[in-house]
Amino acid sequence: MKSNEQNLARIKDAVCRVYQINAKEFDGPRRFKDFVNARFHYWNILSVDMGLSQSRIARIHNTDRGTISNALHRIKNDFPPESKLFRSRDAIIKQNLKIKDFKTIYDYEMDERTVQ
């Protein structure tokens, strides 16, 4: 397994632990709220923190780019930076991944707000 694939697997495992679902449920077609939020959160991390394009994420997960685009748009609108739920889950994921300089979209937005 390549290092990038290992990183993707570690992030996926961390997200699954936070949302308390297994990998089979995560990859499955079901649309329960926790499954969908876990996928959206995972795709957000891949896009924002790992710098993967929406097309690349779609290829990795065998879905269309529009699905990824809609997910990232919903995350930005449904979970504002002040959202306690999303920030606490980001903190748990950071802790599970044990990455010191791991920044989420909300960290970047907060940095931009302090600069302005």
N, C-alpha and C. Protein backbone atom coordinates (compact mmCIF):
# COMPACT_ATOMS: atom_id res chain seq x y z
N MET A 1 0.84 -1.18 0.00
CA MET A 1 0.00 0.00 0.00
C MET A 1 0.89 1.24 0.00
N LYS A 2 0.61 2.19 -0.88
CA LYS A 2 1.38 3.42 -0.96
C LYS A 2 1.07 4.29 0.25
N SER A 3 1.97 5.23 0.52
CA SER A 3 1.79 6.07 1.71
C SER A 3 0.52 6.91 1.61
N ASN A 4 0.20 7.42 0.40
CA ASN A 4 -1.02 8.21 0.25
C ASN A 4 -2.25 7.36 0.53
N GLU A 5 -2.24 6.10 0.06
CA GLU A 5 -3.36 5.20 0.32
C GLU A 5 -3.46 4.88 1.80
N GLN A 6 -2.31 4.78 2.47
CA GLN A 6 -2.31 4.54 3.91
C GLN A 6 -2.90 5.74 4.65
N ASN A 7 -2.55 6.95 4.20
CA ASN A 7 -3.12 8.15 4.82
C ASN A 7 -4.63 8.19 4.63
N LEU A 8 -5.09 7.85 3.43
CA LEU A 8 -6.53 7.83 3.17
C LEU A 8 -7.22 6.82 4.08
N ALA A 9 -6.60 5.66 4.24
CA ALA A 9 -7.18 4.62 5.10
C ALA A 9 -7.21 5.08 6.56
N ARG A 10 -6.14 5.74 7.02
CA ARG A 10 -6.10 6.24 8.40
C ARG A 10 -7.18 7.29 8.63
N ILE A 11 -7.34 8.19 7.67
CA ILE A 11 -8.36 9.24 7.82
C ILE A 11 -9.75 8.61 7.82
N LYS A 12 -9.97 7.67 6.92
CA LYS A 12 -11.27 6.99 6.85
C LYS A 12 -11.57 6.27 8.16
N ASP A 13 -10.57 5.57 8.70
CA ASP A 13 -10.76 4.86 9.97
C ASP A 13 -11.08 5.84 11.10
N ALA A 14 -10.38 6.98 11.13
CA ALA A 14 -10.63 7.98 12.17
C ALA A 14 -12.04 8.54 12.05
N VAL A 15 -12.47 8.84 10.84
CA VAL A 15 -13.83 9.36 10.63
C VAL A 15 -14.86 8.31 11.04
N CYS A 16 -14.62 7.06 10.67
CA CYS A 16 -15.56 5.99 11.05
C CYS A 16 -15.64 5.85 12.57
N ARG A 17 -14.51 5.98 13.27
CA ARG A 17 -14.53 5.90 14.73
C ARG A 17 -15.34 7.04 15.33
N VAL A 18 -15.15 8.24 14.79
CA VAL A 18 -15.87 9.40 15.32
C VAL A 18 -17.38 9.24 15.13
N TYR A 19 -17.78 8.78 13.95
CA TYR A 19 -19.20 8.62 13.66
C TYR A 19 -19.75 7.28 14.10
N GLN A 20 -18.89 6.44 14.66
CA GLN A 20 -19.26 5.13 15.19
C GLN A 20 -19.97 4.26 14.14
N ILE A 21 -19.33 4.18 12.98
CA ILE A 21 -19.81 3.30 11.92
C ILE A 21 -18.62 2.45 11.45
N ASN A 22 -18.90 1.36 10.76
CA ASN A 22 -17.79 0.56 10.24
C ASN A 22 -17.55 0.90 8.78
N ALA A 23 -16.45 0.40 8.25
CA ALA A 23 -16.05 0.74 6.88
C ALA A 23 -17.07 0.26 5.85
N LYS A 24 -17.71 -0.88 6.13
CA LYS A 24 -18.71 -1.40 5.20
C LYS A 24 -19.90 -0.44 5.10
N GLU A 25 -20.33 0.08 6.25
CA GLU A 25 -21.42 1.06 6.25
C GLU A 25 -20.99 2.35 5.56
N PHE A 26 -19.76 2.76 5.81
CA PHE A 26 -19.23 3.99 5.21
C PHE A 26 -19.23 3.90 3.69
N ASP A 27 -18.80 2.77 3.16
CA ASP A 27 -18.69 2.60 1.71
C ASP A 27 -20.01 2.18 1.05
N GLY A 28 -20.96 1.79 1.84
CA GLY A 28 -22.23 1.30 1.29
C GLY A 28 -23.10 2.39 0.71
N PRO A 29 -24.19 1.99 0.07
CA PRO A 29 -25.09 2.95 -0.59
C PRO A 29 -26.12 3.60 0.33
N ARG A 30 -26.20 3.15 1.57
CA ARG A 30 -27.25 3.65 2.47
C ARG A 30 -27.06 5.14 2.76
N ARG A 31 -28.19 5.80 3.00
CA ARG A 31 -28.16 7.25 3.18
C ARG A 31 -28.61 7.70 4.56
N PHE A 32 -28.35 6.90 5.57
CA PHE A 32 -28.65 7.33 6.93
C PHE A 32 -27.79 8.55 7.26
N LYS A 33 -28.32 9.40 8.11
CA LYS A 33 -27.67 10.68 8.39
C LYS A 33 -26.20 10.52 8.83
N ASP A 34 -25.92 9.60 9.73
CA ASP A 34 -24.55 9.42 10.19
C ASP A 34 -23.63 8.95 9.08
N PHE A 35 -24.12 8.09 8.21
CA PHE A 35 -23.31 7.60 7.10
C PHE A 35 -22.98 8.75 6.13
N VAL A 36 -24.00 9.53 5.82
CA VAL A 36 -23.82 10.64 4.89
C VAL A 36 -22.89 11.69 5.49
N ASN A 37 -23.10 12.06 6.75
CA ASN A 37 -22.23 13.05 7.38
C ASN A 37 -20.79 12.57 7.47
N ALA A 38 -20.59 11.29 7.71
CA ALA A 38 -19.24 10.73 7.76
C ALA A 38 -18.57 10.86 6.39
N ARG A 39 -19.30 10.51 5.34
CA ARG A 39 -18.73 10.63 3.99
C ARG A 39 -18.42 12.09 3.67
N PHE A 40 -19.34 12.99 3.98
CA PHE A 40 -19.13 14.41 3.70
C PHE A 40 -17.90 14.92 4.44
N HIS A 41 -17.79 14.55 5.69
CA HIS A 41 -16.66 14.99 6.51
C HIS A 41 -15.35 14.45 5.93
N TYR A 42 -15.34 13.20 5.55
CA TYR A 42 -14.17 12.57 4.96
C TYR A 42 -13.77 13.28 3.66
N TRP A 43 -14.74 13.54 2.80
CA TRP A 43 -14.44 14.20 1.54
C TRP A 43 -13.93 15.62 1.77
N ASN A 44 -14.46 16.28 2.81
CA ASN A 44 -13.99 17.62 3.15
C ASN A 44 -12.53 17.59 3.56
N ILE A 45 -12.16 16.61 4.35
CA ILE A 45 -10.76 16.48 4.78
C ILE A 45 -9.87 16.23 3.57
N LEU A 46 -10.30 15.36 2.67
CA LEU A 46 -9.49 15.07 1.48
C LEU A 46 -9.34 16.30 0.60
N SER A 47 -10.40 17.07 0.48
CA SER A 47 -10.36 18.25 -0.38
C SER A 47 -9.56 19.39 0.24
N VAL A 48 -9.89 19.75 1.46
CA VAL A 48 -9.30 20.92 2.08
C VAL A 48 -7.91 20.65 2.64
N ASP A 49 -7.78 19.58 3.39
CA ASP A 49 -6.52 19.34 4.10
C ASP A 49 -5.48 18.60 3.27
N MET A 50 -5.93 17.69 2.40
CA MET A 50 -4.98 16.94 1.59
C MET A 50 -4.82 17.53 0.20
N GLY A 51 -5.68 18.47 -0.15
CA GLY A 51 -5.55 19.15 -1.43
C GLY A 51 -5.94 18.33 -2.64
N LEU A 52 -6.74 17.29 -2.45
CA LEU A 52 -7.19 16.49 -3.59
C LEU A 52 -8.32 17.20 -4.32
N SER A 53 -8.32 17.09 -5.64
CA SER A 53 -9.39 17.71 -6.43
C SER A 53 -10.68 16.91 -6.25
N GLN A 54 -11.78 17.56 -6.57
CA GLN A 54 -13.06 16.88 -6.49
C GLN A 54 -13.12 15.69 -7.45
N SER A 55 -12.52 15.85 -8.61
CA SER A 55 -12.50 14.74 -9.59
C SER A 55 -11.70 13.56 -9.06
N ARG A 56 -10.58 13.85 -8.40
CA ARG A 56 -9.74 12.77 -7.84
C ARG A 56 -10.49 12.03 -6.73
N ILE A 57 -11.16 12.79 -5.86
CA ILE A 57 -11.94 12.18 -4.77
C ILE A 57 -13.04 11.30 -5.36
N ALA A 58 -13.70 11.80 -6.40
CA ALA A 58 -14.77 11.03 -7.04
C ALA A 58 -14.24 9.73 -7.63
N ARG A 59 -13.06 9.77 -8.25
CA ARG A 59 -12.47 8.55 -8.82
C ARG A 59 -12.12 7.55 -7.72
N ILE A 60 -11.59 8.04 -6.61
CA ILE A 60 -11.21 7.17 -5.50
C ILE A 60 -12.44 6.43 -4.96
N HIS A 61 -13.57 7.13 -4.90
CA HIS A 61 -14.77 6.56 -4.27
C HIS A 61 -15.83 6.11 -5.26
N ASN A 62 -15.45 6.05 -6.54
CA ASN A 62 -16.33 5.53 -7.57
C ASN A 62 -17.70 6.23 -7.56
N THR A 63 -17.65 7.53 -7.56
CA THR A 63 -18.87 8.34 -7.61
C THR A 63 -18.62 9.49 -8.58
N ASP A 64 -19.65 10.28 -8.86
CA ASP A 64 -19.45 11.39 -9.79
C ASP A 64 -19.00 12.65 -9.04
N ARG A 65 -18.37 13.55 -9.78
CA ARG A 65 -17.82 14.76 -9.18
C ARG A 65 -18.92 15.65 -8.61
N GLY A 66 -20.09 15.61 -9.20
CA GLY A 66 -21.20 16.42 -8.71
C GLY A 66 -21.60 16.07 -7.28
N THR A 67 -21.53 14.79 -6.96
CA THR A 67 -21.83 14.34 -5.60
C THR A 67 -20.83 14.95 -4.61
N ILE A 68 -19.56 14.92 -4.98
CA ILE A 68 -18.52 15.48 -4.12
C ILE A 68 -18.71 16.99 -3.99
N SER A 69 -18.98 17.64 -5.10
CA SER A 69 -19.18 19.09 -5.10
C SER A 69 -20.34 19.50 -4.20
N ASN A 70 -21.45 18.78 -4.32
CA ASN A 70 -22.62 19.06 -3.48
C ASN A 70 -22.32 18.81 -2.01
N ALA A 71 -21.57 17.76 -1.72
CA ALA A 71 -21.21 17.45 -0.34
C ALA A 71 -20.37 18.56 0.26
N LEU A 72 -19.37 19.02 -0.47
CA LEU A 72 -18.50 20.07 0.04
C LEU A 72 -19.26 21.39 0.21
N HIS A 73 -20.18 21.64 -0.70
CA HIS A 73 -21.02 22.84 -0.60
C HIS A 73 -21.92 22.77 0.64
N ARG A 74 -22.52 21.61 0.87
CA ARG A 74 -23.39 21.44 2.04
C ARG A 74 -22.61 21.58 3.34
N ILE A 75 -21.40 21.05 3.37
CA ILE A 75 -20.59 21.16 4.59
C ILE A 75 -20.33 22.62 4.90
N LYS A 76 -19.96 23.36 3.88
CA LYS A 76 -19.65 24.79 4.09
C LYS A 76 -20.87 25.55 4.58
N ASN A 77 -22.06 25.20 4.08
CA ASN A 77 -23.27 25.93 4.45
C ASN A 77 -23.95 25.39 5.71
N ASP A 78 -23.94 24.08 5.89
CA ASP A 78 -24.67 23.47 7.01
C ASP A 78 -23.88 23.43 8.29
N PHE A 79 -22.56 23.48 8.19
CA PHE A 79 -21.71 23.41 9.37
C PHE A 79 -20.79 24.63 9.40
N PRO A 80 -21.29 25.77 9.88
CA PRO A 80 -20.44 26.96 9.92
C PRO A 80 -19.29 26.78 10.90
N PRO A 81 -18.27 27.64 10.81
CA PRO A 81 -17.10 27.50 11.70
C PRO A 81 -17.46 27.48 13.18
N GLU A 82 -18.57 28.09 13.54
CA GLU A 82 -18.97 28.15 14.94
C GLU A 82 -19.65 26.88 15.42
N SER A 83 -19.90 25.96 14.51
CA SER A 83 -20.61 24.73 14.85
C SER A 83 -19.79 23.89 15.83
N LYS A 84 -20.31 23.75 17.04
CA LYS A 84 -19.62 22.96 18.07
C LYS A 84 -19.50 21.51 17.64
N LEU A 85 -20.55 20.99 17.04
CA LEU A 85 -20.57 19.59 16.62
C LEU A 85 -19.42 19.30 15.66
N PHE A 86 -19.28 20.11 14.64
CA PHE A 86 -18.28 19.85 13.62
C PHE A 86 -16.88 20.09 14.15
N ARG A 87 -16.68 21.14 14.93
CA ARG A 87 -15.34 21.43 15.45
C ARG A 87 -14.90 20.35 16.44
N SER A 88 -15.81 19.84 17.25
CA SER A 88 -15.42 18.79 18.19
C SER A 88 -15.06 17.52 17.45
N ARG A 89 -15.78 17.21 16.38
CA ARG A 89 -15.46 16.03 15.59
C ARG A 89 -14.12 16.21 14.88
N ASP A 90 -13.83 17.42 14.41
CA ASP A 90 -12.52 17.69 13.81
C ASP A 90 -11.42 17.44 14.83
N ALA A 91 -11.63 17.89 16.05
CA ALA A 91 -10.62 17.71 17.10
C ALA A 91 -10.39 16.23 17.38
N ILE A 92 -11.47 15.45 17.41
CA ILE A 92 -11.33 14.01 17.65
C ILE A 92 -10.58 13.35 16.50
N ILE A 93 -10.88 13.75 15.29
CA ILE A 93 -10.19 13.17 14.13
C ILE A 93 -8.71 13.53 14.17
N LYS A 94 -8.40 14.78 14.49
CA LYS A 94 -6.99 15.19 14.62
C LYS A 94 -6.29 14.32 15.66
N GLN A 95 -6.95 14.11 16.77
CA GLN A 95 -6.37 13.32 17.85
C GLN A 95 -6.15 11.87 17.40
N ASN A 96 -7.13 11.30 16.70
CA ASN A 96 -7.00 9.92 16.22
C ASN A 96 -5.90 9.78 15.17
N LEU A 97 -5.72 10.81 14.36
CA LEU A 97 -4.70 10.75 13.31
C LEU A 97 -3.32 11.07 13.86
N LYS A 98 -3.28 11.77 14.98
CA LYS A 98 -2.01 12.17 15.59
C LYS A 98 -1.15 12.97 14.62
N ILE A 99 -1.79 13.93 13.95
CA ILE A 99 -1.08 14.82 13.05
C ILE A 99 -1.05 16.20 13.70
N LYS A 100 0.14 16.70 13.97
CA LYS A 100 0.27 17.96 14.70
C LYS A 100 -0.21 19.16 13.90
N ASP A 101 0.20 19.26 12.64
CA ASP A 101 -0.13 20.45 11.86
C ASP A 101 -1.31 20.22 10.92
N PHE A 102 -2.21 19.34 11.30
CA PHE A 102 -3.41 19.05 10.53
C PHE A 102 -4.38 20.21 10.72
N LYS A 103 -4.75 20.88 9.64
CA LYS A 103 -5.67 22.01 9.74
C LYS A 103 -6.94 21.69 8.97
N THR A 104 -8.05 22.09 9.52
CA THR A 104 -9.32 21.88 8.85
C THR A 104 -9.73 23.18 8.18
N ILE A 105 -10.79 23.12 7.40
CA ILE A 105 -11.30 24.31 6.72
C ILE A 105 -11.65 25.40 7.73
N TYR A 106 -12.10 24.99 8.90
CA TYR A 106 -12.50 25.97 9.91
C TYR A 106 -11.29 26.66 10.53
N ASP A 107 -10.18 25.95 10.64
CA ASP A 107 -8.95 26.59 11.11
C ASP A 107 -8.52 27.67 10.13
N TYR A 108 -8.60 27.37 8.82
CA TYR A 108 -8.23 28.35 7.81
C TYR A 108 -9.16 29.55 7.84
N GLU A 109 -10.46 29.30 7.97
CA GLU A 109 -11.43 30.40 8.01
C GLU A 109 -11.21 31.27 9.24
N MET A 110 -10.91 30.66 10.37
CA MET A 110 -10.65 31.44 11.59
C MET A 110 -9.37 32.25 11.42
N ASP A 111 -8.34 31.69 10.76
CA ASP A 111 -7.12 32.43 10.49
C ASP A 111 -7.40 33.64 9.63
N GLU A 112 -8.24 33.46 8.60
CA GLU A 112 -8.59 34.57 7.70
C GLU A 112 -9.35 35.66 8.46
N ARG A 113 -10.20 35.27 9.37
CA ARG A 113 -10.96 36.26 10.14
C ARG A 113 -10.07 37.08 11.05
N THR A 114 -9.04 36.47 11.62
CA THR A 114 -8.15 37.21 12.51
C THR A 114 -7.25 38.15 11.72
N VAL A 115 -6.93 37.81 10.46
CA VAL A 115 -6.09 38.66 9.64
C VAL A 115 -6.84 39.91 9.21
N GLN A 116 -8.13 39.76 8.94
CA GLN A 116 -8.93 40.91 8.46
C GLN A 116 -9.15 41.86 9.55
